[in-house]
Amino acid sequence: MDRRAKIPRRYYSGSNDGKRQDAGIYQDKELAGQILAGKKPEIAQLPLAPIGSDFRREVWDILCEIPYGKVITYGDVAQKIAVNRNAKNTYNRAVGGAVGHNPISIIIPCHRVIGSSGNLTGYAGGIAIKIKLLELEGVDMSQMRVPNVTGASANLSD
């Protein structure tokens, strides 16, 4: 199955000349208003077509399947890739790279991906924004941790 067919090709997050061309998604004021008001638009209704390798697009498609208000781990995403590809390798590091290269991070919900021990890691907008987005969606943050620069982590409920 060609997973690229799941996301309509209307707006692009990049171009061959290296200039960003994702303004179209931000010009949809009604959609932006829904998102900022905490509404739950279906990702399938969004005009998205991020540019990336087949692997990255496969990861981004999985991110689009994460329900609003839910989180999954990087390992869960890697396992789904392995199942999709009928492979023994779980692609853990490659998944982290693909999530990190998500060009439309508030729309393709990479903020819903967490570390296996509940660590809130890796969000391009910063951990504080990731926390706010998850809280906006009503995610229970009590068991999640924010890693600090020394590698230790602090529980958000402390």
Protein backbone atom coordinates (compact mmCIF):
# COMPACT_ATOMS: atom_id res chain seq x y z
CA MET A 1 0.00 0.00 0.00
CA ASP A 2 1.31 3.44 -0.91
CA ARG A 3 1.05 5.32 2.40
CA ARG A 4 1.64 8.62 0.60
CA ALA A 5 -1.87 8.39 -0.83
CA LYS A 6 -3.31 8.99 2.68
CA ILE A 7 -2.32 12.67 2.77
CA PRO A 8 -3.74 14.90 0.00
CA ARG A 9 -1.09 16.79 -1.96
CA ARG A 10 -2.21 20.40 -1.77
CA TYR A 11 0.25 22.25 0.42
CA TYR A 12 3.94 21.51 0.53
CA SER A 13 6.38 22.01 3.36
CA GLY A 14 9.33 22.52 1.11
CA SER A 15 10.39 22.73 -2.49
CA ASN A 16 13.26 21.77 -4.71
CA ASP A 17 14.72 25.28 -4.43
CA GLY A 18 15.03 24.91 -0.62
CA LYS A 19 12.47 27.61 0.24
CA ARG A 20 9.66 26.80 2.66
CA GLN A 21 6.26 26.76 1.04
CA ASP A 22 3.98 25.79 3.89
CA ALA A 23 2.17 29.12 4.16
CA GLY A 24 -1.06 27.67 2.78
CA ILE A 25 -1.82 25.68 5.92
CA TYR A 26 -1.39 28.80 8.05
CA GLN A 27 -3.63 30.87 5.77
CA ASP A 28 -6.60 28.66 6.62
CA LYS A 29 -7.84 30.91 9.44
CA GLU A 30 -10.86 28.76 10.26
CA LEU A 31 -8.69 25.68 10.72
CA ALA A 32 -6.06 27.55 12.74
CA GLY A 33 -8.81 28.97 14.95
CA GLN A 34 -10.22 25.48 15.58
CA ILE A 35 -6.82 24.14 16.61
CA LEU A 36 -6.04 27.07 18.90
CA ALA A 37 -9.50 26.83 20.47
CA GLY A 38 -8.78 23.23 21.48
CA LYS A 39 -11.12 21.71 18.89
CA LYS A 40 -10.29 18.34 17.42
CA PRO A 41 -10.05 18.58 13.64
CA GLU A 42 -9.49 15.29 11.86
CA ILE A 43 -6.05 15.24 10.30
CA ALA A 44 -7.52 13.67 7.16
CA GLN A 45 -9.46 16.92 6.54
CA LEU A 46 -6.25 18.95 6.53
CA PRO A 47 -4.57 19.81 3.22
CA LEU A 48 -1.13 18.34 3.96
CA ALA A 49 1.66 17.02 1.79
CA PRO A 50 4.97 17.26 3.63
CA ILE A 51 8.03 16.50 1.57
CA GLY A 52 10.31 13.78 2.85
CA SER A 53 11.66 10.33 2.14
CA ASP A 54 9.26 7.40 1.90
CA PHE A 55 10.38 6.33 5.39
CA ARG A 56 9.74 9.75 6.91
CA ARG A 57 6.33 9.97 5.25
CA GLU A 58 5.51 6.52 6.63
CA VAL A 59 6.42 7.73 10.14
CA TRP A 60 4.42 10.94 9.67
CA ASP A 61 1.40 8.91 8.54
CA ILE A 62 1.61 6.93 11.79
CA LEU A 63 1.81 10.19 13.76
CA CYS A 64 -1.39 11.31 12.03
CA GLU A 65 -3.12 8.19 13.39
CA ILE A 66 -2.40 9.08 17.05
CA PRO A 67 -5.75 10.11 18.53
CA TYR A 68 -6.18 13.59 19.97
CA GLY A 69 -5.43 13.48 23.70
CA LYS A 70 -3.35 10.28 23.49
CA VAL A 71 0.38 9.62 23.41
CA ILE A 72 2.52 6.78 22.11
CA THR A 73 6.23 6.06 22.41
CA TYR A 74 8.94 6.25 19.79
CA GLY A 75 9.22 2.47 20.24
CA ASP A 76 5.52 2.06 19.42
CA VAL A 77 6.03 3.98 16.18
CA ALA A 78 9.10 1.88 15.36
CA GLN A 79 7.16 -1.32 16.00
CA LYS A 80 4.37 -0.19 13.65
CA ILE A 81 6.96 0.49 10.95
CA ALA A 82 8.43 -2.98 11.46
CA VAL A 83 4.98 -4.56 11.17
CA ASN A 84 4.15 -2.50 8.06
CA ARG A 85 7.40 -3.61 6.46
CA ASN A 86 7.28 -7.19 7.76
CA ALA A 87 10.74 -6.60 9.21
CA LYS A 88 12.59 -7.77 12.31
CA ASN A 89 14.39 -4.43 12.71
CA THR A 90 12.36 -1.89 14.67
CA TYR A 91 14.04 1.23 13.20
CA ASN A 92 14.21 2.99 16.59
CA ARG A 93 16.84 5.59 15.72
CA ALA A 94 15.46 6.26 12.27
CA VAL A 95 12.01 6.89 13.78
CA GLY A 96 13.46 9.48 16.14
CA GLY A 97 15.09 11.22 13.19
CA ALA A 98 11.90 11.17 11.13
CA VAL A 99 9.82 12.53 14.02
CA GLY A 100 12.41 15.26 14.53
CA HIS A 101 12.24 16.26 10.86
CA ASN A 102 8.47 16.67 10.86
CA PRO A 103 8.02 19.92 8.91
CA ILE A 104 4.53 20.71 10.26
CA SER A 105 4.92 19.74 13.89
CA ILE A 106 1.75 21.23 15.36
CA ILE A 107 -0.41 19.60 12.67
CA ILE A 108 1.35 16.27 12.24
CA PRO A 109 1.27 15.60 15.98
CA CYS A 110 4.83 14.72 16.92
CA HIS A 111 4.14 16.29 20.34
CA ARG A 112 2.14 13.11 21.07
CA VAL A 113 5.28 10.94 20.87
CA ILE A 114 7.15 10.38 24.14
CA GLY A 115 10.06 8.32 25.39
CA SER A 116 9.41 4.78 26.65
CA SER A 117 9.81 5.78 30.30
CA GLY A 118 7.43 8.74 29.98
CA ASN A 119 10.14 11.27 29.18
CA LEU A 120 8.93 14.27 27.21
CA THR A 121 11.76 14.46 24.74
CA GLY A 122 12.39 15.97 21.36
CA TYR A 123 10.01 18.70 20.31
CA ALA A 124 11.24 21.36 17.88
CA GLY A 125 9.15 24.04 19.61
CA GLY A 126 10.67 23.16 22.97
CA ILE A 127 9.51 20.99 25.86
CA ALA A 128 7.38 23.79 27.37
CA ILE A 129 5.32 23.99 24.16
CA LYS A 130 5.04 20.19 24.01
CA ILE A 131 3.69 20.19 27.57
CA LYS A 132 1.18 22.95 26.76
CA LEU A 133 -0.06 21.12 23.65
CA LEU A 134 -0.51 17.87 25.58
CA GLU A 135 -2.30 19.70 28.40
CA LEU A 136 -4.55 21.44 25.86
CA GLU A 137 -5.51 17.99 24.57
CA GLY A 138 -6.28 16.78 28.10
CA VAL A 139 -3.41 14.28 28.37
CA ASP A 140 -2.76 13.03 31.92
CA MET A 141 0.70 14.45 32.58
CA SER A 142 1.13 13.00 36.09
CA GLN A 143 3.41 10.14 35.02
CA MET A 144 5.45 12.10 32.49
CA ARG A 145 8.92 13.44 33.12
CA VAL A 146 10.98 16.28 31.73
CA PRO A 147 14.64 15.36 31.29
CA ASN A 148 17.07 18.04 32.40
CA VAL A 149 20.51 18.85 31.02
CA THR A 150 22.25 16.39 33.36
CA GLY A 151 20.24 13.47 32.00
CA ALA A 152 18.07 13.12 35.10
CA SER A 153 14.36 13.72 34.84
CA ALA A 154 11.77 15.46 36.97
CA ASN A 155 8.24 14.14 37.31
CA LEU A 156 5.66 16.73 36.27
CA SER A 157 3.45 15.93 39.24
CA ASP A 158 6.19 16.90 41.74
